[in-house]
């Protein structure tokens, strides 16, 4: 299906971060919801947008145990939260391997890669590859060479990969978008925006996402019809 056809129900922006486990769960649930909506003839152009949960994170990242112990008060509390995520992930068909995750990375480079993958229509594939690498294999997704390999495996073009590896392509745009979402009041991810209208946040079940998008499409189409007639 080409991009023009995909956009017949609108442009759906998914605001997420590569180290947010709920964003991976939300993406998988969104994938299932989009299949349900396609049966209704509703197709969306999906774009992934950047949000850094830890914008002040050092470029090289930090030790995960130390970081989360400080953030949540103890390593035991961090593990408790990981268990909750793992339980929710299993419902979505995902297996989290928190035991393999040694570092909490800076995600700016990951956001750059996802942004540049848009030129190849590979954002969803690249985002999925990054999520899997981090949450199932414990890969350091703050490392540029590692990210380039993930982008190649997800089908990014040689040109896009060269732009990623050559310097800071996309960096400014990522930072501007990230800051823009904060100014707009977004504080949690994943958040879903249809044609610039914030719909909801959180990793809801596929059926709930599908219902929310159906209602949103109906409302936006009715507004467009009224505007055309008025």
C-alpha atoms as a PDB file:
ATOM      1  CA  UNK A   1       0.000   0.000   0.000  1.00  0.00           C
ATOM      2  CA  UNK A   2       1.432   3.361  -0.960  1.00  0.00           C
ATOM      3  CA  UNK A   3       1.735   6.381   1.320  1.00  0.00           C
ATOM      4  CA  UNK A   4      -1.157   8.220  -0.322  1.00  0.00           C
ATOM      5  CA  UNK A   5      -3.517   5.341   0.370  1.00  0.00           C
ATOM      6  CA  UNK A   6      -2.229   4.930   3.916  1.00  0.00           C
ATOM      7  CA  UNK A   7      -3.120   8.533   4.699  1.00  0.00           C
ATOM      8  CA  UNK A   8      -6.798   8.259   3.757  1.00  0.00           C
ATOM      9  CA  UNK A   9      -7.831   8.392   7.439  1.00  0.00           C
ATOM     10  CA  UNK A  10      -5.162  10.885   8.438  1.00  0.00           C
ATOM     11  CA  UNK A  11      -1.624  11.185   9.730  1.00  0.00           C
ATOM     12  CA  UNK A  12      -1.079   9.460  13.062  1.00  0.00           C
ATOM     13  CA  UNK A  13       1.927  10.684  15.018  1.00  0.00           C
ATOM     14  CA  UNK A  14       3.203   8.380  17.755  1.00  0.00           C
ATOM     15  CA  UNK A  15       5.247  10.305  20.309  1.00  0.00           C
ATOM     16  CA  UNK A  16       7.545   7.887  22.091  1.00  0.00           C
ATOM     17  CA  UNK A  17      10.989   7.183  23.501  1.00  0.00           C
ATOM     18  CA  UNK A  18      13.201   4.231  22.660  1.00  0.00           C
ATOM     19  CA  UNK A  19      13.792   3.309  26.317  1.00  0.00           C
ATOM     20  CA  UNK A  20      10.126   3.504  27.322  1.00  0.00           C
ATOM     21  CA  UNK A  21       8.793  -0.047  27.784  1.00  0.00           C
ATOM     22  CA  UNK A  22       5.219   1.164  27.575  1.00  0.00           C
ATOM     23  CA  UNK A  23       6.044   2.676  24.186  1.00  0.00           C
ATOM     24  CA  UNK A  24       7.013  -0.758  22.873  1.00  0.00           C
ATOM     25  CA  UNK A  25       3.841  -2.267  24.290  1.00  0.00           C
ATOM     26  CA  UNK A  26       1.883   0.648  22.846  1.00  0.00           C
ATOM     27  CA  UNK A  27       3.454   0.174  19.438  1.00  0.00           C
ATOM     28  CA  UNK A  28       2.612  -3.527  19.354  1.00  0.00           C
ATOM     29  CA  UNK A  29      -0.952  -2.766  20.426  1.00  0.00           C
ATOM     30  CA  UNK A  30      -1.139  -0.051  17.781  1.00  0.00           C
ATOM     31  CA  UNK A  31       0.032  -2.524  15.134  1.00  0.00           C
ATOM     32  CA  UNK A  32      -2.844  -4.819  16.091  1.00  0.00           C
ATOM     33  CA  UNK A  33      -5.285  -1.883  16.154  1.00  0.00           C
ATOM     34  CA  UNK A  34      -4.229  -0.782  12.675  1.00  0.00           C
ATOM     35  CA  UNK A  35      -5.004  -4.271  11.380  1.00  0.00           C
ATOM     36  CA  UNK A  36      -8.492  -4.008  12.881  1.00  0.00           C
ATOM     37  CA  UNK A  37      -9.013  -0.566  11.360  1.00  0.00           C
ATOM     38  CA  UNK A  38      -7.813  -1.727   7.957  1.00  0.00           C
ATOM     39  CA  UNK A  39     -10.717  -4.177   7.948  1.00  0.00           C
ATOM     40  CA  UNK A  40     -12.974  -1.113   8.221  1.00  0.00           C
ATOM     41  CA  UNK A  41     -11.175   0.558   5.313  1.00  0.00           C
ATOM     42  CA  UNK A  42      -9.351   3.010   7.570  1.00  0.00           C
ATOM     43  CA  UNK A  43      -5.646   3.392   6.812  1.00  0.00           C
ATOM     44  CA  UNK A  44      -3.248   5.809   8.451  1.00  0.00           C
ATOM     45  CA  UNK A  45       0.141   7.223   7.668  1.00  0.00           C
ATOM     46  CA  UNK A  46       2.050   6.514  10.877  1.00  0.00           C
ATOM     47  CA  UNK A  47       5.007   8.636  11.925  1.00  0.00           C
ATOM     48  CA  UNK A  48       7.179   8.231  15.022  1.00  0.00           C
ATOM     49  CA  UNK A  49       8.029  11.437  16.844  1.00  0.00           C
ATOM     50  CA  UNK A  50      10.732  12.015  19.486  1.00  0.00           C
ATOM     51  CA  UNK A  51      10.374  12.480  23.204  1.00  0.00           C
ATOM     52  CA  UNK A  52      13.316  12.017  25.555  1.00  0.00           C
ATOM     53  CA  UNK A  53      12.330  10.766  28.978  1.00  0.00           C
ATOM     54  CA  UNK A  54      15.843  11.600  30.173  1.00  0.00           C
ATOM     55  CA  UNK A  55      16.931  14.649  28.148  1.00  0.00           C
ATOM     56  CA  UNK A  56      19.850  15.335  30.504  1.00  0.00           C
ATOM     57  CA  UNK A  57      21.264  11.816  30.211  1.00  0.00           C
ATOM     58  CA  UNK A  58      25.023  11.772  29.423  1.00  0.00           C
ATOM     59  CA  UNK A  59      25.747  10.872  25.810  1.00  0.00           C
ATOM     60  CA  UNK A  60      27.430   7.632  26.884  1.00  0.00           C
ATOM     61  CA  UNK A  61      24.537   6.614  29.128  1.00  0.00           C
ATOM     62  CA  UNK A  62      24.807   5.356  32.700  1.00  0.00           C
ATOM     63  CA  UNK A  63      24.779   2.117  34.631  1.00  0.00           C
ATOM     64  CA  UNK A  64      21.135   1.040  34.740  1.00  0.00           C
ATOM     65  CA  UNK A  65      21.155  -0.406  38.238  1.00  0.00           C
ATOM     66  CA  UNK A  66      22.747   2.675  39.742  1.00  0.00           C
ATOM     67  CA  UNK A  67      20.493   5.040  37.798  1.00  0.00           C
ATOM     68  CA  UNK A  68      17.211   3.309  38.584  1.00  0.00           C
ATOM     69  CA  UNK A  69      18.109   2.667  42.202  1.00  0.00           C
ATOM     70  CA  UNK A  70      18.623   6.404  42.638  1.00  0.00           C
ATOM     71  CA  UNK A  71      15.528   7.299  40.609  1.00  0.00           C
ATOM     72  CA  UNK A  72      13.115   4.952  42.395  1.00  0.00           C
ATOM     73  CA  UNK A  73      14.703   4.818  45.822  1.00  0.00           C
ATOM     74  CA  UNK A  74      16.036   1.269  45.659  1.00  0.00           C
ATOM     75  CA  UNK A  75      16.947  -1.490  43.229  1.00  0.00           C
ATOM     76  CA  UNK A  76      14.139  -3.604  44.717  1.00  0.00           C
ATOM     77  CA  UNK A  77      11.582  -0.934  43.772  1.00  0.00           C
ATOM     78  CA  UNK A  78      13.040  -0.799  40.259  1.00  0.00           C
ATOM     79  CA  UNK A  79      12.708  -4.570  39.941  1.00  0.00           C
ATOM     80  CA  UNK A  80       9.126  -4.398  41.127  1.00  0.00           C
ATOM     81  CA  UNK A  81       8.346  -1.921  38.356  1.00  0.00           C
ATOM     82  CA  UNK A  82      10.163  -4.127  35.844  1.00  0.00           C
ATOM     83  CA  UNK A  83       7.980  -7.062  36.869  1.00  0.00           C
ATOM     84  CA  UNK A  84       4.854  -4.990  36.214  1.00  0.00           C
ATOM     85  CA  UNK A  85       6.138  -4.088  32.770  1.00  0.00           C
ATOM     86  CA  UNK A  86       7.004  -7.708  32.015  1.00  0.00           C
ATOM     87  CA  UNK A  87       3.486  -8.822  32.987  1.00  0.00           C
ATOM     88  CA  UNK A  88       1.921  -6.185  30.723  1.00  0.00           C
ATOM     89  CA  UNK A  89       4.321  -7.111  27.944  1.00  0.00           C
ATOM     90  CA  UNK A  90       3.288 -10.753  28.015  1.00  0.00           C
ATOM     91  CA  UNK A  91      -0.307  -9.715  27.354  1.00  0.00           C
ATOM     92  CA  UNK A  92       0.921  -7.931  24.205  1.00  0.00           C
ATOM     93  CA  UNK A  93       3.042 -10.934  23.195  1.00  0.00           C
ATOM     94  CA  UNK A  94       6.346  -9.377  24.242  1.00  0.00           C
ATOM     95  CA  UNK A  95       9.105 -10.871  26.378  1.00  0.00           C
ATOM     96  CA  UNK A  96      11.166  -8.320  28.310  1.00  0.00           C
ATOM     97  CA  UNK A  97      14.679  -9.323  29.402  1.00  0.00           C
ATOM     98  CA  UNK A  98      15.473  -6.764  32.053  1.00  0.00           C
ATOM     99  CA  UNK A  99      18.265  -9.020  33.294  1.00  0.00           C
ATOM    100  CA  UNK A 100      20.209  -8.275  30.096  1.00  0.00           C
ATOM    101  CA  UNK A 101      19.836  -4.489  30.277  1.00  0.00           C
ATOM    102  CA  UNK A 102      23.082  -3.174  31.783  1.00  0.00           C
ATOM    103  CA  UNK A 103      22.890   0.499  30.807  1.00  0.00           C
ATOM    104  CA  UNK A 104      20.318   3.249  30.533  1.00  0.00           C
ATOM    105  CA  UNK A 105      21.275   5.005  27.282  1.00  0.00           C
ATOM    106  CA  UNK A 106      20.866   8.494  25.943  1.00  0.00           C
ATOM    107  CA  UNK A 107      18.251   8.154  23.173  1.00  0.00           C
ATOM    108  CA  UNK A 108      19.061  11.154  20.991  1.00  0.00           C
ATOM    109  CA  UNK A 109      20.919   8.998  18.449  1.00  0.00           C
ATOM    110  CA  UNK A 110      18.056   6.508  18.345  1.00  0.00           C
ATOM    111  CA  UNK A 111      15.612   9.326  17.631  1.00  0.00           C
ATOM    112  CA  UNK A 112      17.886  10.596  14.859  1.00  0.00           C
ATOM    113  CA  UNK A 113      17.878   7.170  13.225  1.00  0.00           C
ATOM    114  CA  UNK A 114      14.104   6.833  13.445  1.00  0.00           C
ATOM    115  CA  UNK A 115      13.635  10.297  11.978  1.00  0.00           C
ATOM    116  CA  UNK A 116      15.969   9.597   9.044  1.00  0.00           C
ATOM    117  CA  UNK A 117      14.205   6.280   8.447  1.00  0.00           C
ATOM    118  CA  UNK A 118      11.133   8.289   7.488  1.00  0.00           C
ATOM    119  CA  UNK A 119      12.686   9.018   4.084  1.00  0.00           C
ATOM    120  CA  UNK A 120      12.627   5.278   3.414  1.00  0.00           C
ATOM    121  CA  UNK A 121       9.170   4.672   4.942  1.00  0.00           C
ATOM    122  CA  UNK A 122      10.867   2.464   7.539  1.00  0.00           C
ATOM    123  CA  UNK A 123      10.129   4.248  10.802  1.00  0.00           C
ATOM    124  CA  UNK A 124       7.917   1.519  12.225  1.00  0.00           C
ATOM    125  CA  UNK A 125      10.435  -1.165  11.292  1.00  0.00           C
ATOM    126  CA  UNK A 126      13.367   0.763  12.746  1.00  0.00           C
ATOM    127  CA  UNK A 127      11.497   1.594  15.949  1.00  0.00           C
ATOM    128  CA  UNK A 128      10.619  -2.085  16.356  1.00  0.00           C
ATOM    129  CA  UNK A 129      14.232  -3.128  15.771  1.00  0.00           C
ATOM    130  CA  UNK A 130      15.467  -0.675  18.404  1.00  0.00           C
ATOM    131  CA  UNK A 131      12.867  -1.760  20.947  1.00  0.00           C
ATOM    132  CA  UNK A 132      13.712  -5.426  20.432  1.00  0.00           C
ATOM    133  CA  UNK A 133      17.445  -4.817  20.642  1.00  0.00           C
ATOM    134  CA  UNK A 134      17.163  -2.934  23.922  1.00  0.00           C
ATOM    135  CA  UNK A 135      14.399  -4.770  25.743  1.00  0.00           C
ATOM    136  CA  UNK A 136      15.119  -8.327  24.597  1.00  0.00           C
ATOM    137  CA  UNK A 137      18.866  -8.339  23.945  1.00  0.00           C
ATOM    138  CA  UNK A 138      20.192  -5.646  26.284  1.00  0.00           C
ATOM    139  CA  UNK A 139      21.917  -3.860  23.397  1.00  0.00           C
ATOM    140  CA  UNK A 140      23.342  -0.380  24.014  1.00  0.00           C
ATOM    141  CA  UNK A 141      21.052   1.656  21.752  1.00  0.00           C
ATOM    142  CA  UNK A 142      23.019   4.797  22.507  1.00  0.00           C
ATOM    143  CA  UNK A 143      25.879   3.526  20.341  1.00  0.00           C
ATOM    144  CA  UNK A 144      25.817   4.974  16.814  1.00  0.00           C
ATOM    145  CA  UNK A 145      27.450   1.985  15.108  1.00  0.00           C
ATOM    146  CA  UNK A 146      24.985  -0.389  16.762  1.00  0.00           C
ATOM    147  CA  UNK A 147      22.085   1.791  15.669  1.00  0.00           C
ATOM    148  CA  UNK A 148      23.348   1.929  12.084  1.00  0.00           C
ATOM    149  CA  UNK A 149      23.423  -1.868  12.001  1.00  0.00           C
ATOM    150  CA  UNK A 150      19.861  -1.977  13.323  1.00  0.00           C
ATOM    151  CA  UNK A 151      18.766   0.520  10.686  1.00  0.00           C
ATOM    152  CA  UNK A 152      20.335  -1.572   7.936  1.00  0.00           C
ATOM    153  CA  UNK A 153      18.615  -4.721   9.200  1.00  0.00           C
ATOM    154  CA  UNK A 154      15.292  -2.851   9.186  1.00  0.00           C
ATOM    155  CA  UNK A 155      15.643  -1.845   5.540  1.00  0.00           C
ATOM    156  CA  UNK A 156      16.955   1.704   5.647  1.00  0.00           C
ATOM    157  CA  UNK A 157      18.641   2.870   2.456  1.00  0.00           C
ATOM    158  CA  UNK A 158      22.380   3.312   2.105  1.00  0.00           C
ATOM    159  CA  UNK A 159      21.835   7.043   1.646  1.00  0.00           C
ATOM    160  CA  UNK A 160      19.882   7.416   4.895  1.00  0.00           C
ATOM    161  CA  UNK A 161      22.397   5.325   6.808  1.00  0.00           C
ATOM    162  CA  UNK A 162      25.264   7.371   5.412  1.00  0.00           C
ATOM    163  CA  UNK A 163      23.537  10.569   6.522  1.00  0.00           C
ATOM    164  CA  UNK A 164      23.087   9.115  10.002  1.00  0.00           C
ATOM    165  CA  UNK A 165      26.695   7.994  10.322  1.00  0.00           C
ATOM    166  CA  UNK A 166      28.265  11.065   8.738  1.00  0.00           C
ATOM    167  CA  UNK A 167      27.365  13.549  11.438  1.00  0.00           C
ATOM    168  CA  UNK A 168      24.381  15.179  13.074  1.00  0.00           C
ATOM    169  CA  UNK A 169      21.680  14.889  10.400  1.00  0.00           C
ATOM    170  CA  UNK A 170      18.298  15.152  12.078  1.00  0.00           C
ATOM    171  CA  UNK A 171      19.695  16.148  15.464  1.00  0.00           C
ATOM    172  CA  UNK A 172      18.388  19.712  15.418  1.00  0.00           C
ATOM    173  CA  UNK A 173      14.944  18.607  14.241  1.00  0.00           C
ATOM    174  CA  UNK A 174      14.724  15.955  16.964  1.00  0.00           C
ATOM    175  CA  UNK A 175      15.629  18.432  19.695  1.00  0.00           C
ATOM    176  CA  UNK A 176      13.182  21.042  18.392  1.00  0.00           C
ATOM    177  CA  UNK A 177      10.326  18.536  18.222  1.00  0.00           C
ATOM    178  CA  UNK A 178      11.121  17.132  21.654  1.00  0.00           C
ATOM    179  CA  UNK A 179      11.080  20.598  23.201  1.00  0.00           C
ATOM    180  CA  UNK A 180       7.928  21.492  21.283  1.00  0.00           C
ATOM    181  CA  UNK A 181       6.014  18.565  22.756  1.00  0.00           C
ATOM    182  CA  UNK A 182       7.114  19.574  26.257  1.00  0.00           C
ATOM    183  CA  UNK A 183       5.890  23.131  25.673  1.00  0.00           C
ATOM    184  CA  UNK A 184       2.601  21.699  24.428  1.00  0.00           C
ATOM    185  CA  UNK A 185       2.153  19.981  27.784  1.00  0.00           C
ATOM    186  CA  UNK A 186       2.983  16.410  26.837  1.00  0.00           C
ATOM    187  CA  UNK A 187       4.729  14.690  29.734  1.00  0.00           C
ATOM    188  CA  UNK A 188       3.998  11.013  29.158  1.00  0.00           C
ATOM    189  CA  UNK A 189       4.532   8.568  26.347  1.00  0.00           C
ATOM    190  CA  UNK A 190       3.375   6.939  24.224  1.00  0.00           C
ATOM    191  CA  UNK A 191       1.028   9.694  23.082  1.00  0.00           C
ATOM    192  CA  UNK A 192      -1.036   9.508  19.912  1.00  0.00           C
ATOM    193  CA  UNK A 193      -1.798  12.540  17.760  1.00  0.00           C
ATOM    194  CA  UNK A 194      -4.139  12.393  14.751  1.00  0.00           C
ATOM    195  CA  UNK A 195      -3.825  15.268  12.301  1.00  0.00           C
ATOM    196  CA  UNK A 196      -2.305  17.452  15.049  1.00  0.00           C
ATOM    197  CA  UNK A 197      -5.052  16.598  17.570  1.00  0.00           C
ATOM    198  CA  UNK A 198      -3.841  14.876  20.754  1.00  0.00           C
ATOM    199  CA  UNK A 199      -6.079  11.850  21.278  1.00  0.00           C
ATOM    200  CA  UNK A 200      -4.755   9.847  24.214  1.00  0.00           C
ATOM    201  CA  UNK A 201      -1.645   8.625  25.993  1.00  0.00           C
ATOM    202  CA  UNK A 202      -0.698   5.216  27.291  1.00  0.00           C
ATOM    203  CA  UNK A 203      -0.340   1.634  26.121  1.00  0.00           C
ATOM    204  CA  UNK A 204      -4.025   0.824  25.763  1.00  0.00           C
ATOM    205  CA  UNK A 205      -5.289  -2.530  24.423  1.00  0.00           C
ATOM    206  CA  UNK A 206      -5.663  -2.779  20.619  1.00  0.00           C
ATOM    207  CA  UNK A 207      -9.453  -2.650  20.720  1.00  0.00           C
ATOM    208  CA  UNK A 208      -9.417   0.552  22.770  1.00  0.00           C
ATOM    209  CA  UNK A 209      -6.905   2.185  20.414  1.00  0.00           C
ATOM    210  CA  UNK A 210      -8.994   1.170  17.415  1.00  0.00           C
ATOM    211  CA  UNK A 211     -12.189   2.534  18.970  1.00  0.00           C
ATOM    212  CA  UNK A 212     -10.480   5.797  19.870  1.00  0.00           C
ATOM    213  CA  UNK A 213      -9.189   6.244  16.341  1.00  0.00           C
ATOM    214  CA  UNK A 214     -12.574   5.414  14.799  1.00  0.00           C
ATOM    215  CA  UNK A 215     -14.260   8.070  16.926  1.00  0.00           C
ATOM    216  CA  UNK A 216     -11.541  10.615  16.193  1.00  0.00           C
ATOM    217  CA  UNK A 217     -11.759  10.045  12.437  1.00  0.00           C
ATOM    218  CA  UNK A 218     -15.529  10.423  12.540  1.00  0.00           C
ATOM    219  CA  UNK A 219     -15.321  13.673  14.517  1.00  0.00           C
ATOM    220  CA  UNK A 220     -12.604  15.182  12.310  1.00  0.00           C
ATOM    221  CA  UNK A 221     -14.472  14.241   9.135  1.00  0.00           C
ATOM    222  CA  UNK A 222     -17.665  15.779  10.472  1.00  0.00           C
ATOM    223  CA  UNK A 223     -15.814  18.984  11.346  1.00  0.00           C
ATOM    224  CA  UNK A 224     -14.316  19.096   7.865  1.00  0.00           C
ATOM    225  CA  UNK A 225     -17.745  18.586   6.300  1.00  0.00           C
ATOM    226  CA  UNK A 226     -19.263  21.366   8.397  1.00  0.00           C
ATOM    227  CA  UNK A 227     -16.421  23.711   7.520  1.00  0.00           C
ATOM    228  CA  UNK A 228     -16.876  22.986   3.828  1.00  0.00           C
ATOM    229  CA  UNK A 229     -20.593  23.634   4.020  1.00  0.00           C
ATOM    230  CA  UNK A 230     -20.276  26.714   6.200  1.00  0.00           C
END
